[in-house]
Structure formats: structure tokens, C-alpha cells
Amino acid sequence: MNEGCEGGWPHFNVFLGENGYFVGEDCAPYKGSTKDDKCSNYAKCDPVARVKESYLVGGGWGATTEKKMMKEILRNGPINGDF
């Protein structure tokens, strides 16, 4: 619900994961567009994951490097980003 394929804001993914939860593909399949979609369409979906804590790699916007991202992946697993 944050512009998805029309740009999207990946930092909202972790905000939603920390303050709510993620649901599975079986209940909320990928559509490629969120136009005319509503959160209420997924209110009955079972939670499958939450984000305990998130932070910016490098400490802030524009402060990261490929090396910092590689270290983060090695130490803590997947990262969320855009281009």
C-alpha cells in the first residue's frame, strides 16, 4: 500500500513489519499493482512473520556502501533496499 511497482518505499515494509505483521502469499498473492486495493482485504490473513528491529545500514540515508551491505547480509541476513 505504498506505491508498490509505481516507485514504492521499501522502508515502509519494515515499518509495517515492526508495527504489524506480514501475511503469506496464499492469503495475499502478489498482484503487481495496489491500485484500488485496501488493507481490509487482508484483515483475515494469518500473520506469518514480524520484524523485531530495523535500522539503516550505514546509519542513515546515503551513508551506506556495497561493502557495508555485504557485511550486513553476512551478519544478519536479508536487507531491504531499492534503486
N, C-alpha and C. Protein backbone atom coordinates (compact mmCIF):
# COMPACT_ATOMS: atom_id res chain seq x y z
N MET A 1 0.82 -1.19 0.00
CA MET A 1 0.00 0.00 0.00
C MET A 1 0.87 1.26 0.00
N ASN A 2 2.08 1.16 -0.53
CA ASN A 2 2.97 2.32 -0.55
C ASN A 2 3.54 2.58 -1.93
N GLU A 3 2.71 2.53 -2.93
CA GLU A 3 3.01 2.79 -4.33
C GLU A 3 3.63 1.61 -5.05
N GLY A 4 3.86 0.50 -4.37
CA GLY A 4 4.32 -0.74 -4.99
C GLY A 4 5.22 -0.57 -6.18
N CYS A 5 4.80 -1.08 -7.32
CA CYS A 5 5.61 -1.03 -8.55
C CYS A 5 5.66 0.37 -9.16
N GLU A 6 4.96 1.31 -8.59
CA GLU A 6 4.99 2.68 -9.08
C GLU A 6 6.04 3.49 -8.32
N GLY A 7 7.06 2.86 -7.86
CA GLY A 7 8.13 3.54 -7.12
C GLY A 7 8.33 2.86 -5.78
N GLY A 8 7.31 2.86 -4.95
CA GLY A 8 7.37 2.18 -3.66
C GLY A 8 8.38 2.77 -2.70
N TRP A 9 8.19 2.53 -1.47
CA TRP A 9 9.07 3.00 -0.41
C TRP A 9 9.44 1.80 0.46
N PRO A 10 10.59 1.17 0.22
CA PRO A 10 10.92 -0.06 0.93
C PRO A 10 11.03 0.10 2.44
N HIS A 11 11.35 1.30 2.94
CA HIS A 11 11.45 1.46 4.39
C HIS A 11 10.09 1.29 5.07
N PHE A 12 8.99 1.45 4.31
CA PHE A 12 7.68 1.20 4.89
C PHE A 12 7.45 -0.30 5.12
N ASN A 13 8.13 -1.15 4.35
CA ASN A 13 7.98 -2.59 4.56
C ASN A 13 8.38 -2.97 5.98
N VAL A 14 9.53 -2.47 6.44
CA VAL A 14 9.96 -2.83 7.79
C VAL A 14 9.14 -2.09 8.84
N PHE A 15 8.68 -0.87 8.55
CA PHE A 15 7.79 -0.17 9.48
C PHE A 15 6.53 -1.00 9.71
N LEU A 16 5.95 -1.49 8.61
CA LEU A 16 4.74 -2.31 8.74
C LEU A 16 5.06 -3.63 9.44
N GLY A 17 6.23 -4.19 9.19
CA GLY A 17 6.63 -5.44 9.82
C GLY A 17 6.88 -5.30 11.31
N GLU A 18 7.34 -4.13 11.73
CA GLU A 18 7.57 -3.89 13.16
C GLU A 18 6.27 -3.55 13.89
N ASN A 19 5.38 -2.86 13.23
CA ASN A 19 4.16 -2.37 13.88
C ASN A 19 2.92 -3.20 13.55
N GLY A 20 3.10 -4.22 12.78
CA GLY A 20 2.01 -5.12 12.42
C GLY A 20 2.62 -6.49 12.17
N TYR A 21 2.37 -7.04 11.00
CA TYR A 21 2.94 -8.33 10.64
C TYR A 21 2.81 -8.54 9.14
N PHE A 22 3.53 -9.53 8.65
CA PHE A 22 3.45 -9.91 7.25
C PHE A 22 2.55 -11.13 7.11
N VAL A 23 1.88 -11.23 5.98
CA VAL A 23 1.00 -12.35 5.71
C VAL A 23 1.58 -13.18 4.57
N GLY A 24 1.06 -14.37 4.39
CA GLY A 24 1.57 -15.28 3.37
C GLY A 24 1.01 -15.03 1.98
N GLU A 25 1.72 -15.51 1.00
CA GLU A 25 1.34 -15.40 -0.41
C GLU A 25 0.00 -16.08 -0.69
N ASP A 26 -0.32 -17.12 0.07
CA ASP A 26 -1.58 -17.83 -0.16
C ASP A 26 -2.80 -16.95 0.16
N CYS A 27 -2.67 -16.04 1.12
CA CYS A 27 -3.77 -15.17 1.51
C CYS A 27 -3.70 -13.81 0.80
N ALA A 28 -2.51 -13.37 0.48
CA ALA A 28 -2.32 -12.07 -0.17
C ALA A 28 -1.35 -12.22 -1.34
N PRO A 29 -1.79 -12.82 -2.44
CA PRO A 29 -0.89 -13.05 -3.57
C PRO A 29 -0.40 -11.75 -4.20
N TYR A 30 0.81 -11.80 -4.73
CA TYR A 30 1.39 -10.65 -5.41
C TYR A 30 0.57 -10.30 -6.64
N LYS A 31 0.25 -9.02 -6.81
CA LYS A 31 -0.56 -8.58 -7.93
C LYS A 31 0.16 -7.65 -8.88
N GLY A 32 1.27 -7.05 -8.47
CA GLY A 32 2.00 -6.12 -9.33
C GLY A 32 1.43 -4.71 -9.30
N SER A 33 0.30 -4.51 -8.68
CA SER A 33 -0.31 -3.18 -8.57
C SER A 33 -1.20 -3.16 -7.33
N THR A 34 -1.19 -2.05 -6.63
CA THR A 34 -2.05 -1.92 -5.45
C THR A 34 -3.20 -0.96 -5.70
N LYS A 35 -3.39 -0.55 -6.93
CA LYS A 35 -4.48 0.37 -7.26
C LYS A 35 -5.82 -0.24 -6.87
N ASP A 36 -6.61 0.52 -6.18
CA ASP A 36 -7.94 0.12 -5.70
C ASP A 36 -7.92 -1.03 -4.69
N ASP A 37 -6.75 -1.37 -4.16
CA ASP A 37 -6.65 -2.41 -3.14
C ASP A 37 -6.77 -1.76 -1.77
N LYS A 38 -7.18 -2.51 -0.77
CA LYS A 38 -7.36 -1.99 0.58
C LYS A 38 -6.79 -2.96 1.59
N CYS A 39 -6.27 -2.43 2.68
CA CYS A 39 -5.75 -3.28 3.75
C CYS A 39 -6.84 -4.20 4.29
N SER A 40 -8.07 -3.73 4.30
CA SER A 40 -9.16 -4.53 4.84
C SER A 40 -9.37 -5.82 4.05
N ASN A 41 -8.89 -5.87 2.80
CA ASN A 41 -8.99 -7.11 2.00
C ASN A 41 -8.18 -8.24 2.62
N TYR A 42 -7.24 -7.89 3.49
CA TYR A 42 -6.32 -8.89 4.05
C TYR A 42 -6.45 -9.00 5.57
N ALA A 43 -7.50 -8.43 6.13
CA ALA A 43 -7.69 -8.40 7.58
C ALA A 43 -7.80 -9.79 8.19
N LYS A 44 -8.26 -10.76 7.43
CA LYS A 44 -8.44 -12.12 7.97
C LYS A 44 -7.24 -13.02 7.69
N CYS A 45 -6.20 -12.48 7.08
CA CYS A 45 -4.99 -13.27 6.82
C CYS A 45 -4.25 -13.55 8.12
N ASP A 46 -3.76 -14.76 8.26
CA ASP A 46 -2.97 -15.12 9.44
C ASP A 46 -1.58 -14.51 9.35
N PRO A 47 -1.05 -14.01 10.47
CA PRO A 47 0.32 -13.49 10.46
C PRO A 47 1.32 -14.63 10.27
N VAL A 48 2.36 -14.38 9.48
CA VAL A 48 3.40 -15.39 9.30
C VAL A 48 4.78 -14.89 9.74
N ALA A 49 4.96 -13.57 9.86
CA ALA A 49 6.27 -13.04 10.27
C ALA A 49 6.13 -11.61 10.78
N ARG A 50 7.05 -11.24 11.67
CA ARG A 50 7.17 -9.88 12.17
C ARG A 50 8.62 -9.47 12.11
N VAL A 51 8.87 -8.18 12.14
CA VAL A 51 10.23 -7.65 12.20
C VAL A 51 10.45 -7.16 13.63
N LYS A 52 11.46 -7.70 14.28
CA LYS A 52 11.74 -7.32 15.66
C LYS A 52 12.35 -5.93 15.74
N GLU A 53 13.32 -5.67 14.86
CA GLU A 53 14.03 -4.37 14.88
C GLU A 53 14.60 -4.11 13.51
N SER A 54 14.56 -2.86 13.08
CA SER A 54 15.17 -2.49 11.81
C SER A 54 16.00 -1.22 12.00
N TYR A 55 16.89 -0.98 11.07
CA TYR A 55 17.74 0.19 11.12
C TYR A 55 18.32 0.41 9.74
N LEU A 56 18.91 1.56 9.54
CA LEU A 56 19.52 1.89 8.25
C LEU A 56 20.96 1.39 8.22
N VAL A 57 21.30 0.63 7.21
CA VAL A 57 22.68 0.16 7.06
C VAL A 57 23.55 1.39 6.78
N GLY A 58 24.57 1.59 7.57
CA GLY A 58 25.43 2.76 7.44
C GLY A 58 24.99 3.90 8.35
N GLY A 59 23.82 3.77 8.97
CA GLY A 59 23.37 4.76 9.92
C GLY A 59 22.43 5.83 9.39
N GLY A 60 22.27 5.96 8.09
CA GLY A 60 21.37 6.97 7.55
C GLY A 60 21.30 6.91 6.04
N TRP A 61 20.34 7.64 5.48
CA TRP A 61 20.17 7.66 4.03
C TRP A 61 21.45 8.14 3.35
N GLY A 62 21.90 7.38 2.38
CA GLY A 62 23.08 7.76 1.61
C GLY A 62 24.40 7.46 2.30
N ALA A 63 24.36 6.87 3.48
CA ALA A 63 25.59 6.63 4.24
C ALA A 63 26.09 5.20 4.11
N THR A 64 25.50 4.42 3.22
CA THR A 64 25.92 3.03 3.09
C THR A 64 26.81 2.83 1.87
N THR A 65 27.44 1.69 1.83
CA THR A 65 28.28 1.30 0.71
C THR A 65 27.99 -0.17 0.39
N GLU A 66 28.47 -0.63 -0.75
CA GLU A 66 28.30 -2.05 -1.08
C GLU A 66 28.94 -2.92 -0.02
N LYS A 67 30.09 -2.52 0.46
CA LYS A 67 30.79 -3.31 1.48
C LYS A 67 29.97 -3.40 2.77
N LYS A 68 29.37 -2.29 3.20
CA LYS A 68 28.53 -2.30 4.40
C LYS A 68 27.32 -3.21 4.20
N MET A 69 26.74 -3.17 3.00
CA MET A 69 25.60 -4.03 2.72
C MET A 69 26.00 -5.50 2.74
N MET A 70 27.16 -5.82 2.17
CA MET A 70 27.62 -7.21 2.17
C MET A 70 27.87 -7.71 3.59
N LYS A 71 28.47 -6.87 4.43
CA LYS A 71 28.69 -7.25 5.83
C LYS A 71 27.37 -7.48 6.55
N GLU A 72 26.39 -6.61 6.29
CA GLU A 72 25.09 -6.74 6.93
C GLU A 72 24.42 -8.05 6.54
N ILE A 73 24.46 -8.40 5.27
CA ILE A 73 23.88 -9.65 4.80
C ILE A 73 24.58 -10.84 5.45
N LEU A 74 25.89 -10.79 5.53
CA LEU A 74 26.67 -11.87 6.14
C LEU A 74 26.32 -12.03 7.62
N ARG A 75 26.21 -10.93 8.34
CA ARG A 75 25.98 -10.98 9.78
C ARG A 75 24.52 -11.23 10.17
N ASN A 76 23.59 -10.61 9.43
CA ASN A 76 22.20 -10.62 9.88
C ASN A 76 21.18 -11.11 8.87
N GLY A 77 21.60 -11.42 7.67
CA GLY A 77 20.66 -11.93 6.67
C GLY A 77 20.16 -10.86 5.72
N PRO A 78 19.00 -11.06 5.17
CA PRO A 78 18.49 -10.19 4.09
C PRO A 78 18.40 -8.71 4.47
N ILE A 79 18.57 -7.88 3.47
CA ILE A 79 18.37 -6.44 3.64
C ILE A 79 17.27 -5.99 2.68
N ASN A 80 16.71 -4.86 2.96
CA ASN A 80 15.62 -4.27 2.16
C ASN A 80 16.17 -3.02 1.49
N GLY A 81 15.99 -2.90 0.19
CA GLY A 81 16.51 -1.73 -0.50
C GLY A 81 15.79 -1.45 -1.78
N ASP A 82 16.20 -0.39 -2.42
CA ASP A 82 15.65 -0.02 -3.72
C ASP A 82 16.74 0.60 -4.57
N PHE A 83 16.40 0.94 -5.78
CA PHE A 83 17.36 1.59 -6.66
C PHE A 83 16.69 2.67 -7.45
